[in-house]
Amino acid sequence: MTQAIHEKPKVADLFLACLLARNLQTEQNLVDQLFNSSEKRLARILLLLAHFNENGTSDTLIPNISQEALAEMVGTTRSRVNVFMNKFRTSGFINYGKEGIEVRKSLLSVVLSD
């Protein structure tokens, strides 16, 4: 890799871009962990998994994922994720069934509140 970076400027540019993007994502995750509640972090994770973008569109359907996996991503317990998922479902922000989790645009209000 070192040799490719030295000999091919395009490889170096691509590697640097990937490295900076990953660093930015790590910083965003740290800020999210430090300053946001578990509920907001879960909402953010669900929006990211649904590929929610700036245009307000999303893929809306996340394939089935366990609450344990979501808890690990959020940094909380499965039981807290269960409480928040039920809250999101009763509020109409998500719907889940056999196909997966349907994420609605209105979930963004949880992330943007406060």
PDB file of N, CA and C in Angstrom:
ATOM      1  N   MET A   1       0.835  -1.186   0.000  1.00  0.00           N
ATOM      2  CA  MET A   1       0.000   0.000   0.000  1.00  0.00           C
ATOM      3  C   MET A   1       0.878   1.246   0.000  1.00  0.00           C
ATOM      4  N   THR A   2       1.925   1.210   0.806  1.00  0.00           N
ATOM      5  CA  THR A   2       2.835   2.352   0.866  1.00  0.00           C
ATOM      6  C   THR A   2       3.441   2.620  -0.500  1.00  0.00           C
ATOM      7  N   GLN A   3       3.847   1.571  -1.177  1.00  0.00           N
ATOM      8  CA  GLN A   3       4.438   1.717  -2.500  1.00  0.00           C
ATOM      9  C   GLN A   3       3.420   2.298  -3.488  1.00  0.00           C
ATOM     10  N   ALA A   4       2.186   1.813  -3.444  1.00  0.00           N
ATOM     11  CA  ALA A   4       1.136   2.319  -4.333  1.00  0.00           C
ATOM     12  C   ALA A   4       0.846   3.790  -4.060  1.00  0.00           C
ATOM     13  N   ILE A   5       0.854   4.188  -2.798  1.00  0.00           N
ATOM     14  CA  ILE A   5       0.613   5.595  -2.447  1.00  0.00           C
ATOM     15  C   ILE A   5       1.726   6.476  -2.994  1.00  0.00           C
ATOM     16  N   HIS A   6       2.951   6.015  -2.897  1.00  0.00           N
ATOM     17  CA  HIS A   6       4.086   6.796  -3.392  1.00  0.00           C
ATOM     18  C   HIS A   6       4.136   6.863  -4.916  1.00  0.00           C
ATOM     19  N   GLU A   7       3.764   5.786  -5.575  1.00  0.00           N
ATOM     20  CA  GLU A   7       3.917   5.719  -7.022  1.00  0.00           C
ATOM     21  C   GLU A   7       2.697   6.188  -7.809  1.00  0.00           C
ATOM     22  N   LYS A   8       1.511   6.135  -7.198  1.00  0.00           N
ATOM     23  CA  LYS A   8       0.280   6.472  -7.923  1.00  0.00           C
ATOM     24  C   LYS A   8      -0.509   7.530  -7.150  1.00  0.00           C
ATOM     25  N   PRO A   9      -0.459   8.774  -7.635  1.00  0.00           N
ATOM     26  CA  PRO A   9      -1.163   9.865  -6.938  1.00  0.00           C
ATOM     27  C   PRO A   9      -2.668   9.631  -6.803  1.00  0.00           C
ATOM     28  N   LYS A  10      -3.289   8.969  -7.775  1.00  0.00           N
ATOM     29  CA  LYS A  10      -4.734   8.729  -7.683  1.00  0.00           C
ATOM     30  C   LYS A  10      -5.061   7.771  -6.530  1.00  0.00           C
ATOM     31  N   VAL A  11      -4.212   6.797  -6.316  1.00  0.00           N
ATOM     32  CA  VAL A  11      -4.401   5.867  -5.196  1.00  0.00           C
ATOM     33  C   VAL A  11      -4.251   6.626  -3.879  1.00  0.00           C
ATOM     34  N   ALA A  12      -3.257   7.502  -3.818  1.00  0.00           N
ATOM     35  CA  ALA A  12      -3.037   8.303  -2.607  1.00  0.00           C
ATOM     36  C   ALA A  12      -4.239   9.201  -2.336  1.00  0.00           C
ATOM     37  N   ASP A  13      -4.781   9.830  -3.384  1.00  0.00           N
ATOM     38  CA  ASP A  13      -5.954  10.696  -3.216  1.00  0.00           C
ATOM     39  C   ASP A  13      -7.166   9.909  -2.737  1.00  0.00           C
ATOM     40  N   LEU A  14      -7.384   8.742  -3.328  1.00  0.00           N
ATOM     41  CA  LEU A  14      -8.511   7.899  -2.943  1.00  0.00           C
ATOM     42  C   LEU A  14      -8.368   7.407  -1.501  1.00  0.00           C
ATOM     43  N   PHE A  15      -7.165   6.975  -1.158  1.00  0.00           N
ATOM     44  CA  PHE A  15      -6.911   6.501   0.207  1.00  0.00           C
ATOM     45  C   PHE A  15      -7.131   7.619   1.220  1.00  0.00           C
ATOM     46  N   LEU A  16      -6.636   8.808   0.919  1.00  0.00           N
ATOM     47  CA  LEU A  16      -6.795   9.948   1.825  1.00  0.00           C
ATOM     48  C   LEU A  16      -8.265  10.326   1.971  1.00  0.00           C
ATOM     49  N   ALA A  17      -8.999  10.323   0.866  1.00  0.00           N
ATOM     50  CA  ALA A  17     -10.428  10.642   0.922  1.00  0.00           C
ATOM     51  C   ALA A  17     -11.177   9.645   1.794  1.00  0.00           C
ATOM     52  N   CYS A  18     -10.871   8.354   1.638  1.00  0.00           N
ATOM     53  CA  CYS A  18     -11.522   7.323   2.466  1.00  0.00           C
ATOM     54  C   CYS A  18     -11.155   7.472   3.933  1.00  0.00           C
ATOM     55  N   LEU A  19      -9.908   7.765   4.183  1.00  0.00           N
ATOM     56  CA  LEU A  19      -9.431   7.944   5.555  1.00  0.00           C
ATOM     57  C   LEU A  19     -10.108   9.135   6.223  1.00  0.00           C
ATOM     58  N   LEU A  20     -10.220  10.239   5.507  1.00  0.00           N
ATOM     59  CA  LEU A  20     -10.871  11.431   6.054  1.00  0.00           C
ATOM     60  C   LEU A  20     -12.371  11.205   6.272  1.00  0.00           C
ATOM     61  N   ALA A  21     -13.020  10.508   5.356  1.00  0.00           N
ATOM     62  CA  ALA A  21     -14.446  10.211   5.512  1.00  0.00           C
ATOM     63  C   ALA A  21     -14.685   9.327   6.734  1.00  0.00           C
ATOM     64  N   ARG A  22     -13.824   8.338   6.916  1.00  0.00           N
ATOM     65  CA  ARG A  22     -13.963   7.454   8.079  1.00  0.00           C
ATOM     66  C   ARG A  22     -13.702   8.213   9.377  1.00  0.00           C
ATOM     67  N   ASN A  23     -12.730   9.108   9.363  1.00  0.00           N
ATOM     68  CA  ASN A  23     -12.429   9.922  10.535  1.00  0.00           C
ATOM     69  C   ASN A  23     -13.612  10.825  10.879  1.00  0.00           C
ATOM     70  N   LEU A  24     -14.225  11.424   9.868  1.00  0.00           N
ATOM     71  CA  LEU A  24     -15.389  12.275  10.091  1.00  0.00           C
ATOM     72  C   LEU A  24     -16.544  11.478  10.689  1.00  0.00           C
ATOM     73  N   GLN A  25     -16.772  10.275  10.175  1.00  0.00           N
ATOM     74  CA  GLN A  25     -17.843   9.425  10.703  1.00  0.00           C
ATOM     75  C   GLN A  25     -17.576   9.057  12.159  1.00  0.00           C
ATOM     76  N   THR A  26     -16.337   8.773  12.494  1.00  0.00           N
ATOM     77  CA  THR A  26     -15.965   8.449  13.871  1.00  0.00           C
ATOM     78  C   THR A  26     -16.212   9.635  14.792  1.00  0.00           C
ATOM     79  N   GLU A  27     -15.848  10.832  14.339  1.00  0.00           N
ATOM     80  CA  GLU A  27     -16.095  12.043  15.131  1.00  0.00           C
ATOM     81  C   GLU A  27     -17.585  12.264  15.339  1.00  0.00           C
ATOM     82  N   GLN A  28     -18.381  12.085  14.274  1.00  0.00           N
ATOM     83  CA  GLN A  28     -19.828  12.256  14.395  1.00  0.00           C
ATOM     84  C   GLN A  28     -20.422  11.248  15.378  1.00  0.00           C
ATOM     85  N   ASN A  29     -19.952  10.011  15.333  1.00  0.00           N
ATOM     86  CA  ASN A  29     -20.438   8.989  16.267  1.00  0.00           C
ATOM     87  C   ASN A  29     -20.074   9.327  17.706  1.00  0.00           C
ATOM     88  N   LEU A  30     -18.882   9.851  17.937  1.00  0.00           N
ATOM     89  CA  LEU A  30     -18.461  10.226  19.281  1.00  0.00           C
ATOM     90  C   LEU A  30     -19.308  11.375  19.814  1.00  0.00           C
ATOM     91  N   VAL A  31     -19.524  12.394  19.012  1.00  0.00           N
ATOM     92  CA  VAL A  31     -20.367  13.520  19.431  1.00  0.00           C
ATOM     93  C   VAL A  31     -21.775  13.030  19.721  1.00  0.00           C
ATOM     94  N   ASP A  32     -22.289  12.161  18.868  1.00  0.00           N
ATOM     95  CA  ASP A  32     -23.620  11.592  19.057  1.00  0.00           C
ATOM     96  C   ASP A  32     -23.702  10.839  20.390  1.00  0.00           C
ATOM     97  N   GLN A  33     -22.682  10.039  20.684  1.00  0.00           N
ATOM     98  CA  GLN A  33     -22.650   9.254  21.921  1.00  0.00           C
ATOM     99  C   GLN A  33     -22.578  10.159  23.154  1.00  0.00           C
ATOM    100  N   LEU A  34     -21.818  11.239  23.068  1.00  0.00           N
ATOM    101  CA  LEU A  34     -21.621  12.110  24.220  1.00  0.00           C
ATOM    102  C   LEU A  34     -22.801  13.033  24.499  1.00  0.00           C
ATOM    103  N   PHE A  35     -23.473  13.501  23.460  1.00  0.00           N
ATOM    104  CA  PHE A  35     -24.449  14.566  23.651  1.00  0.00           C
ATOM    105  C   PHE A  35     -25.900  14.189  23.400  1.00  0.00           C
ATOM    106  N   ASN A  36     -26.173  13.028  22.856  1.00  0.00           N
ATOM    107  CA  ASN A  36     -27.545  12.653  22.556  1.00  0.00           C
ATOM    108  C   ASN A  36     -28.001  11.486  23.417  1.00  0.00           C
ATOM    109  N   SER A  37     -29.313  11.448  23.643  1.00  0.00           N
ATOM    110  CA  SER A  37     -29.902  10.370  24.424  1.00  0.00           C
ATOM    111  C   SER A  37     -29.903   9.081  23.600  1.00  0.00           C
ATOM    112  N   SER A  38     -30.119   7.977  24.280  1.00  0.00           N
ATOM    113  CA  SER A  38     -30.196   6.676  23.608  1.00  0.00           C
ATOM    114  C   SER A  38     -31.326   6.669  22.581  1.00  0.00           C
ATOM    115  N   GLU A  39     -32.419   7.327  22.906  1.00  0.00           N
ATOM    116  CA  GLU A  39     -33.566   7.380  21.997  1.00  0.00           C
ATOM    117  C   GLU A  39     -33.198   8.090  20.695  1.00  0.00           C
ATOM    118  N   LYS A  40     -32.511   9.213  20.806  1.00  0.00           N
ATOM    119  CA  LYS A  40     -32.093   9.936  19.607  1.00  0.00           C
ATOM    120  C   LYS A  40     -31.054   9.155  18.815  1.00  0.00           C
ATOM    121  N   ARG A  41     -30.159   8.473  19.516  1.00  0.00           N
ATOM    122  CA  ARG A  41     -29.152   7.678  18.818  1.00  0.00           C
ATOM    123  C   ARG A  41     -29.799   6.540  18.042  1.00  0.00           C
ATOM    124  N   LEU A  42     -30.827   5.906  18.635  1.00  0.00           N
ATOM    125  CA  LEU A  42     -31.546   4.842  17.942  1.00  0.00           C
ATOM    126  C   LEU A  42     -32.252   5.403  16.713  1.00  0.00           C
ATOM    127  N   ALA A  43     -32.902   6.537  16.851  1.00  0.00           N
ATOM    128  CA  ALA A  43     -33.584   7.152  15.713  1.00  0.00           C
ATOM    129  C   ALA A  43     -32.582   7.456  14.596  1.00  0.00           C
ATOM    130  N   ARG A  44     -31.420   7.970  14.957  1.00  0.00           N
ATOM    131  CA  ARG A  44     -30.374   8.290  13.966  1.00  0.00           C
ATOM    132  C   ARG A  44     -29.903   7.019  13.261  1.00  0.00           C
ATOM    133  N   ILE A  45     -29.685   5.954  14.022  1.00  0.00           N
ATOM    134  CA  ILE A  45     -29.242   4.685  13.438  1.00  0.00           C
ATOM    135  C   ILE A  45     -30.288   4.152  12.465  1.00  0.00           C
ATOM    136  N   LEU A  46     -31.561   4.204  12.846  1.00  0.00           N
ATOM    137  CA  LEU A  46     -32.621   3.711  11.966  1.00  0.00           C
ATOM    138  C   LEU A  46     -32.682   4.525  10.673  1.00  0.00           C
ATOM    139  N   LEU A  47     -32.532   5.847  10.785  1.00  0.00           N
ATOM    140  CA  LEU A  47     -32.528   6.691   9.588  1.00  0.00           C
ATOM    141  C   LEU A  47     -31.327   6.389   8.699  1.00  0.00           C
ATOM    142  N   LEU A  48     -30.177   6.165   9.306  1.00  0.00           N
ATOM    143  CA  LEU A  48     -28.984   5.828   8.528  1.00  0.00           C
ATOM    144  C   LEU A  48     -29.145   4.471   7.832  1.00  0.00           C
ATOM    145  N   LEU A  49     -29.688   3.495   8.549  1.00  0.00           N
ATOM    146  CA  LEU A  49     -29.889   2.177   7.956  1.00  0.00           C
ATOM    147  C   LEU A  49     -30.913   2.205   6.815  1.00  0.00           C
ATOM    148  N   ALA A  50     -31.863   3.152   6.892  1.00  0.00           N
ATOM    149  CA  ALA A  50     -32.868   3.295   5.836  1.00  0.00           C
ATOM    150  C   ALA A  50     -32.353   4.169   4.696  1.00  0.00           C
ATOM    151  N   HIS A  51     -31.092   4.584   4.781  1.00  0.00           N
ATOM    152  CA  HIS A  51     -30.467   5.431   3.762  1.00  0.00           C
ATOM    153  C   HIS A  51     -31.226   6.732   3.568  1.00  0.00           C
ATOM    154  N   PHE A  52     -31.682   7.312   4.670  1.00  0.00           N
ATOM    155  CA  PHE A  52     -32.359   8.601   4.617  1.00  0.00           C
ATOM    156  C   PHE A  52     -31.363   9.629   4.115  1.00  0.00           C
ATOM    157  N   ASN A  53     -31.774  10.473   3.166  1.00  0.00           N
ATOM    158  CA  ASN A  53     -30.845  11.466   2.644  1.00  0.00           C
ATOM    159  C   ASN A  53     -31.384  12.872   2.767  1.00  0.00           C
ATOM    160  N   GLU A  54     -30.593  13.837   2.314  1.00  0.00           N
ATOM    161  CA  GLU A  54     -30.934  15.249   2.458  1.00  0.00           C
ATOM    162  C   GLU A  54     -32.188  15.632   1.679  1.00  0.00           C
ATOM    163  N   ASN A  55     -32.532  14.889   0.653  1.00  0.00           N
ATOM    164  CA  ASN A  55     -33.704  15.203  -0.162  1.00  0.00           C
ATOM    165  C   ASN A  55     -35.006  14.740   0.486  1.00  0.00           C
ATOM    166  N   GLY A  56     -34.888  14.092   1.629  1.00  0.00           N
ATOM    167  CA  GLY A  56     -36.072  13.639   2.333  1.00  0.00           C
ATOM    168  C   GLY A  56     -36.600  12.304   1.847  1.00  0.00           C
ATOM    169  N   THR A  57     -35.822  11.610   1.040  1.00  0.00           N
ATOM    170  CA  THR A  57     -36.264  10.302   0.585  1.00  0.00           C
ATOM    171  C   THR A  57     -35.466   9.225   1.308  1.00  0.00           C
ATOM    172  N   SER A  58     -36.023   8.061   1.375  1.00  0.00           N
ATOM    173  CA  SER A  58     -35.327   6.954   2.019  1.00  0.00           C
ATOM    174  C   SER A  58     -35.764   5.651   1.378  1.00  0.00           C
ATOM    175  N   ASP A  59     -35.009   4.613   1.625  1.00  0.00           N
ATOM    176  CA  ASP A  59     -35.382   3.287   1.162  1.00  0.00           C
ATOM    177  C   ASP A  59     -36.517   2.732   2.012  1.00  0.00           C
ATOM    178  N   THR A  60     -36.757   3.314   3.135  1.00  0.00           N
ATOM    179  CA  THR A  60     -37.812   3.036   4.109  1.00  0.00           C
ATOM    180  C   THR A  60     -37.826   1.648   4.715  1.00  0.00           C
ATOM    181  N   LEU A  61     -37.356   0.647   4.028  1.00  0.00           N
ATOM    182  CA  LEU A  61     -37.441  -0.699   4.590  1.00  0.00           C
ATOM    183  C   LEU A  61     -36.050  -1.212   4.944  1.00  0.00           C
ATOM    184  N   ILE A  62     -35.869  -1.478   6.225  1.00  0.00           N
ATOM    185  CA  ILE A  62     -34.622  -2.057   6.711  1.00  0.00           C
ATOM    186  C   ILE A  62     -34.874  -3.548   6.886  1.00  0.00           C
ATOM    187  N   PRO A  63     -34.038  -4.397   6.294  1.00  0.00           N
ATOM    188  CA  PRO A  63     -34.224  -5.837   6.523  1.00  0.00           C
ATOM    189  C   PRO A  63     -34.191  -6.138   8.025  1.00  0.00           C
ATOM    190  N   ASN A  64     -34.829  -7.225   8.409  1.00  0.00           N
ATOM    191  CA  ASN A  64     -34.892  -7.577   9.827  1.00  0.00           C
ATOM    192  C   ASN A  64     -33.519  -7.510  10.481  1.00  0.00           C
ATOM    193  N   ILE A  65     -33.474  -6.849  11.617  1.00  0.00           N
ATOM    194  CA  ILE A  65     -32.257  -6.718  12.409  1.00  0.00           C
ATOM    195  C   ILE A  65     -32.663  -6.922  13.857  1.00  0.00           C
ATOM    196  N   SER A  66     -31.852  -7.616  14.599  1.00  0.00           N
ATOM    197  CA  SER A  66     -32.224  -7.919  15.983  1.00  0.00           C
ATOM    198  C   SER A  66     -32.088  -6.676  16.861  1.00  0.00           C
ATOM    199  N   GLN A  67     -32.857  -6.680  17.932  1.00  0.00           N
ATOM    200  CA  GLN A  67     -32.755  -5.581  18.884  1.00  0.00           C
ATOM    201  C   GLN A  67     -31.414  -5.603  19.594  1.00  0.00           C
ATOM    202  N   GLU A  68     -30.822  -6.766  19.718  1.00  0.00           N
ATOM    203  CA  GLU A  68     -29.481  -6.852  20.309  1.00  0.00           C
ATOM    204  C   GLU A  68     -28.463  -6.124  19.433  1.00  0.00           C
ATOM    205  N   ALA A  69     -28.574  -6.310  18.120  1.00  0.00           N
ATOM    206  CA  ALA A  69     -27.651  -5.634  17.192  1.00  0.00           C
ATOM    207  C   ALA A  69     -27.866  -4.126  17.241  1.00  0.00           C
ATOM    208  N   LEU A  70     -29.122  -3.698  17.281  1.00  0.00           N
ATOM    209  CA  LEU A  70     -29.407  -2.260  17.389  1.00  0.00           C
ATOM    210  C   LEU A  70     -28.873  -1.699  18.704  1.00  0.00           C
ATOM    211  N   ALA A  71     -29.038  -2.457  19.787  1.00  0.00           N
ATOM    212  CA  ALA A  71     -28.540  -2.005  21.089  1.00  0.00           C
ATOM    213  C   ALA A  71     -27.034  -1.821  21.060  1.00  0.00           C
ATOM    214  N   GLU A  72     -26.343  -2.727  20.400  1.00  0.00           N
ATOM    215  CA  GLU A  72     -24.888  -2.616  20.300  1.00  0.00           C
ATOM    216  C   GLU A  72     -24.491  -1.382  19.487  1.00  0.00           C
ATOM    217  N   MET A  73     -25.219  -1.107  18.415  1.00  0.00           N
ATOM    218  CA  MET A  73     -24.932   0.072  17.602  1.00  0.00           C
ATOM    219  C   MET A  73     -25.178   1.364  18.371  1.00  0.00           C
ATOM    220  N   VAL A  74     -26.236   1.364  19.180  1.00  0.00           N
ATOM    221  CA  VAL A  74     -26.624   2.567  19.925  1.00  0.00           C
ATOM    222  C   VAL A  74     -25.781   2.742  21.180  1.00  0.00           C
ATOM    223  N   GLY A  75     -25.346   1.634  21.751  1.00  0.00           N
ATOM    224  CA  GLY A  75     -24.586   1.701  22.993  1.00  0.00           C
ATOM    225  C   GLY A  75     -25.487   1.677  24.213  1.00  0.00           C
ATOM    226  N   THR A  76     -26.513   0.846  24.161  1.00  0.00           N
ATOM    227  CA  THR A  76     -27.452   0.714  25.275  1.00  0.00           C
ATOM    228  C   THR A  76     -27.889  -0.744  25.361  1.00  0.00           C
ATOM    229  N   THR A  77     -28.893  -1.009  26.184  1.00  0.00           N
ATOM    230  CA  THR A  77     -29.353  -2.382  26.374  1.00  0.00           C
ATOM    231  C   THR A  77     -30.481  -2.726  25.405  1.00  0.00           C
ATOM    232  N   ARG A  78     -30.692  -4.029  25.200  1.00  0.00           N
ATOM    233  CA  ARG A  78     -31.766  -4.477  24.336  1.00  0.00           C
ATOM    234  C   ARG A  78     -33.124  -4.054  24.882  1.00  0.00           C
ATOM    235  N   SER A  79     -33.285  -4.083  26.197  1.00  0.00           N
ATOM    236  CA  SER A  79     -34.583  -3.721  26.781  1.00  0.00           C
ATOM    237  C   SER A  79     -34.913  -2.245  26.525  1.00  0.00           C
ATOM    238  N   ARG A  80     -33.906  -1.375  26.561  1.00  0.00           N
ATOM    239  CA  ARG A  80     -34.155   0.043  26.254  1.00  0.00           C
ATOM    240  C   ARG A  80     -34.503   0.223  24.785  1.00  0.00           C
ATOM    241  N   VAL A  81     -33.815  -0.509  23.906  1.00  0.00           N
ATOM    242  CA  VAL A  81     -34.140  -0.457  22.481  1.00  0.00           C
ATOM    243  C   VAL A  81     -35.578  -0.917  22.270  1.00  0.00           C
ATOM    244  N   ASN A  82     -35.993  -1.970  22.970  1.00  0.00           N
ATOM    245  CA  ASN A  82     -37.354  -2.478  22.865  1.00  0.00           C
ATOM    246  C   ASN A  82     -38.362  -1.398  23.254  1.00  0.00           C
ATOM    247  N   VAL A  83     -38.104  -0.694  24.340  1.00  0.00           N
ATOM    248  CA  VAL A  83     -38.997   0.385  24.791  1.00  0.00           C
ATOM    249  C   VAL A  83     -39.089   1.474  23.724  1.00  0.00           C
ATOM    250  N   PHE A  84     -37.947   1.901  23.196  1.00  0.00           N
ATOM    251  CA  PHE A  84     -37.934   2.970  22.194  1.00  0.00           C
ATOM    252  C   PHE A  84     -38.596   2.529  20.894  1.00  0.00           C
ATOM    253  N   MET A  85     -38.361   1.286  20.474  1.00  0.00           N
ATOM    254  CA  MET A  85     -38.980   0.788  19.237  1.00  0.00           C
ATOM    255  C   MET A  85     -40.500   0.757  19.391  1.00  0.00           C
ATOM    256  N   ASN A  86     -40.982   0.323  20.547  1.00  0.00           N
ATOM    257  CA  ASN A  86     -42.428   0.325  20.792  1.00  0.00           C
ATOM    258  C   ASN A  86     -42.972   1.746  20.798  1.00  0.00           C
ATOM    259  N   LYS A  87     -42.229   2.673  21.380  1.00  0.00           N
ATOM    260  CA  LYS A  87     -42.638   4.086  21.392  1.00  0.00           C
ATOM    261  C   LYS A  87     -42.689   4.638  19.968  1.00  0.00           C
ATOM    262  N   PHE A  88     -41.662   4.340  19.171  1.00  0.00           N
ATOM    263  CA  PHE A  88     -41.633   4.804  17.782  1.00  0.00           C
ATOM    264  C   PHE A  88     -42.801   4.211  16.990  1.00  0.00           C
ATOM    265  N   ARG A  89     -43.107   2.937  17.264  1.00  0.00           N
ATOM    266  CA  ARG A  89     -44.199   2.262  16.545  1.00  0.00           C
ATOM    267  C   ARG A  89     -45.550   2.868  16.907  1.00  0.00           C
ATOM    268  N   THR A  90     -45.790   3.092  18.195  1.00  0.00           N
ATOM    269  CA  THR A  90     -47.079   3.658  18.605  1.00  0.00           C
ATOM    270  C   THR A  90     -47.221   5.113  18.173  1.00  0.00           C
ATOM    271  N   SER A  91     -46.099   5.811  17.999  1.00  0.00           N
ATOM    272  CA  SER A  91     -46.133   7.199  17.530  1.00  0.00           C
ATOM    273  C   SER A  91     -46.253   7.285  16.012  1.00  0.00           C
ATOM    274  N   GLY A  92     -46.144   6.143  15.323  1.00  0.00           N
ATOM    275  CA  GLY A  92     -46.281   6.122  13.874  1.00  0.00           C
ATOM    276  C   GLY A  92     -45.000   6.427  13.116  1.00  0.00           C
ATOM    277  N   PHE A  93     -43.855   6.435  13.812  1.00  0.00           N
ATOM    278  CA  PHE A  93     -42.580   6.722  13.154  1.00  0.00           C
ATOM    279  C   PHE A  93     -42.036   5.508  12.404  1.00  0.00           C
ATOM    280  N   ILE A  94     -42.347   4.324  12.896  1.00  0.00           N
ATOM    281  CA  ILE A  94     -41.886   3.085  12.249  1.00  0.00           C
ATOM    282  C   ILE A  94     -43.018   2.077  12.272  1.00  0.00           C
ATOM    283  N   ASN A  95     -42.851   1.061  11.460  1.00  0.00           N
ATOM    284  CA  ASN A  95     -43.751  -0.083  11.475  1.00  0.00           C
ATOM    285  C   ASN A  95     -42.884  -1.293  11.174  1.00  0.00           C
ATOM    286  N   TYR A  96     -43.085  -2.368  11.897  1.00  0.00           N
ATOM    287  CA  TYR A  96     -42.267  -3.533  11.606  1.00  0.00           C
ATOM    288  C   TYR A  96     -43.094  -4.796  11.559  1.00  0.00           C
ATOM    289  N   GLY A  97     -42.604  -5.674  10.696  1.00  0.00           N
ATOM    290  CA  GLY A  97     -43.269  -6.947  10.486  1.00  0.00           C
ATOM    291  C   GLY A  97     -42.273  -7.965   9.992  1.00  0.00           C
ATOM    292  N   LYS A  98     -42.753  -8.958   9.257  1.00  0.00           N
ATOM    293  CA  LYS A  98     -41.900 -10.039   8.779  1.00  0.00           C
ATOM    294  C   LYS A  98     -40.851  -9.567   7.771  1.00  0.00           C
ATOM    295  N   GLU A  99     -41.200  -8.561   6.957  1.00  0.00           N
ATOM    296  CA  GLU A  99     -40.287  -8.096   5.915  1.00  0.00           C
ATOM    297  C   GLU A  99     -39.137  -7.260   6.472  1.00  0.00           C
ATOM    298  N   GLY A 100     -39.370  -6.561   7.559  1.00  0.00           N
ATOM    299  CA  GLY A 100     -38.354  -5.700   8.141  1.00  0.00           C
ATOM    300  C   GLY A 100     -38.989  -4.510   8.836  1.00  0.00           C
ATOM    301  N   ILE A 101     -38.191  -3.469   9.005  1.00  0.00           N
ATOM    302  CA  ILE A 101     -38.644  -2.264   9.698  1.00  0.00           C
ATOM    303  C   ILE A 101     -38.866  -1.175   8.658  1.00  0.00           C
ATOM    304  N   GLU A 102     -40.095  -0.659   8.604  1.00  0.00           N
ATOM    305  CA  GLU A 102     -40.406   0.457   7.715  1.00  0.00           C
ATOM    306  C   GLU A 102     -40.161   1.749   8.493  1.00  0.00           C
ATOM    307  N   VAL A 103     -39.243   2.562   8.007  1.00  0.00           N
ATOM    308  CA  VAL A 103     -38.903   3.824   8.666  1.00  0.00           C
ATOM    309  C   VAL A 103     -39.600   4.947   7.922  1.00  0.00           C
ATOM    310  N   ARG A 104     -40.354   5.750   8.648  1.00  0.00           N
ATOM    311  CA  ARG A 104     -41.063   6.871   8.038  1.00  0.00           C
ATOM    312  C   ARG A 104     -40.272   8.165   8.247  1.00  0.00           C
ATOM    313  N   LYS A 105     -40.459   9.082   7.330  1.00  0.00           N
ATOM    314  CA  LYS A 105     -39.756  10.366   7.351  1.00  0.00           C
ATOM    315  C   LYS A 105     -39.981  11.109   8.671  1.00  0.00           C
ATOM    316  N   SER A 106     -41.128  10.910   9.280  1.00  0.00           N
ATOM    317  CA  SER A 106     -41.473  11.618  10.518  1.00  0.00           C
ATOM    318  C   SER A 106     -40.521  11.264  11.669  1.00  0.00           C
ATOM    319  N   LEU A 107     -39.768  10.157  11.571  1.00  0.00           N
ATOM    320  CA  LEU A 107     -38.803   9.796  12.610  1.00  0.00           C
ATOM    321  C   LEU A 107     -37.724  10.866  12.750  1.00  0.00           C
ATOM    322  N   LEU A 108     -37.497  11.612  11.694  1.00  0.00           N
ATOM    323  CA  LEU A 108     -36.509  12.688  11.734  1.00  0.00           C
ATOM    324  C   LEU A 108     -36.834  13.702  12.825  1.00  0.00           C
ATOM    325  N   SER A 109     -38.096  13.864  13.165  1.00  0.00           N
ATOM    326  CA  SER A 109     -38.484  14.819  14.212  1.00  0.00           C
ATOM    327  C   SER A 109     -37.899  14.443  15.563  1.00  0.00           C
ATOM    328  N   VAL A 110     -37.681  13.157  15.806  1.00  0.00           N
ATOM    329  CA  VAL A 110     -37.075  12.705  17.067  1.00  0.00           C
ATOM    330  C   VAL A 110     -35.628  13.178  17.126  1.00  0.00           C
ATOM    331  N   VAL A 111     -34.925  13.063  16.013  1.00  0.00           N
ATOM    332  CA  VAL A 111     -33.517  13.453  15.963  1.00  0.00           C
ATOM    333  C   VAL A 111     -33.367  14.968  16.073  1.00  0.00           C
ATOM    334  N   LEU A 112     -34.293  15.706  15.481  1.00  0.00           N
ATOM    335  CA  LEU A 112     -34.187  17.160  15.446  1.00  0.00           C
ATOM    336  C   LEU A 112     -34.803  17.868  16.645  1.00  0.00           C
ATOM    337  N   SER A 113     -35.488  17.127  17.510  1.00  0.00           N
ATOM    338  CA  SER A 113     -36.106  17.764  18.674  1.00  0.00           C
ATOM    339  C   SER A 113     -35.048  18.285  19.642  1.00  0.00           C
ATOM    340  N   ASP A 114     -35.402  19.301  20.389  1.00  0.00           N
ATOM    341  CA  ASP A 114     -34.538  20.009  21.345  1.00  0.00           C
ATOM    342  C   ASP A 114     -33.749  21.011  20.597  1.00  0.00           C
TER     343      ASP A 114
END
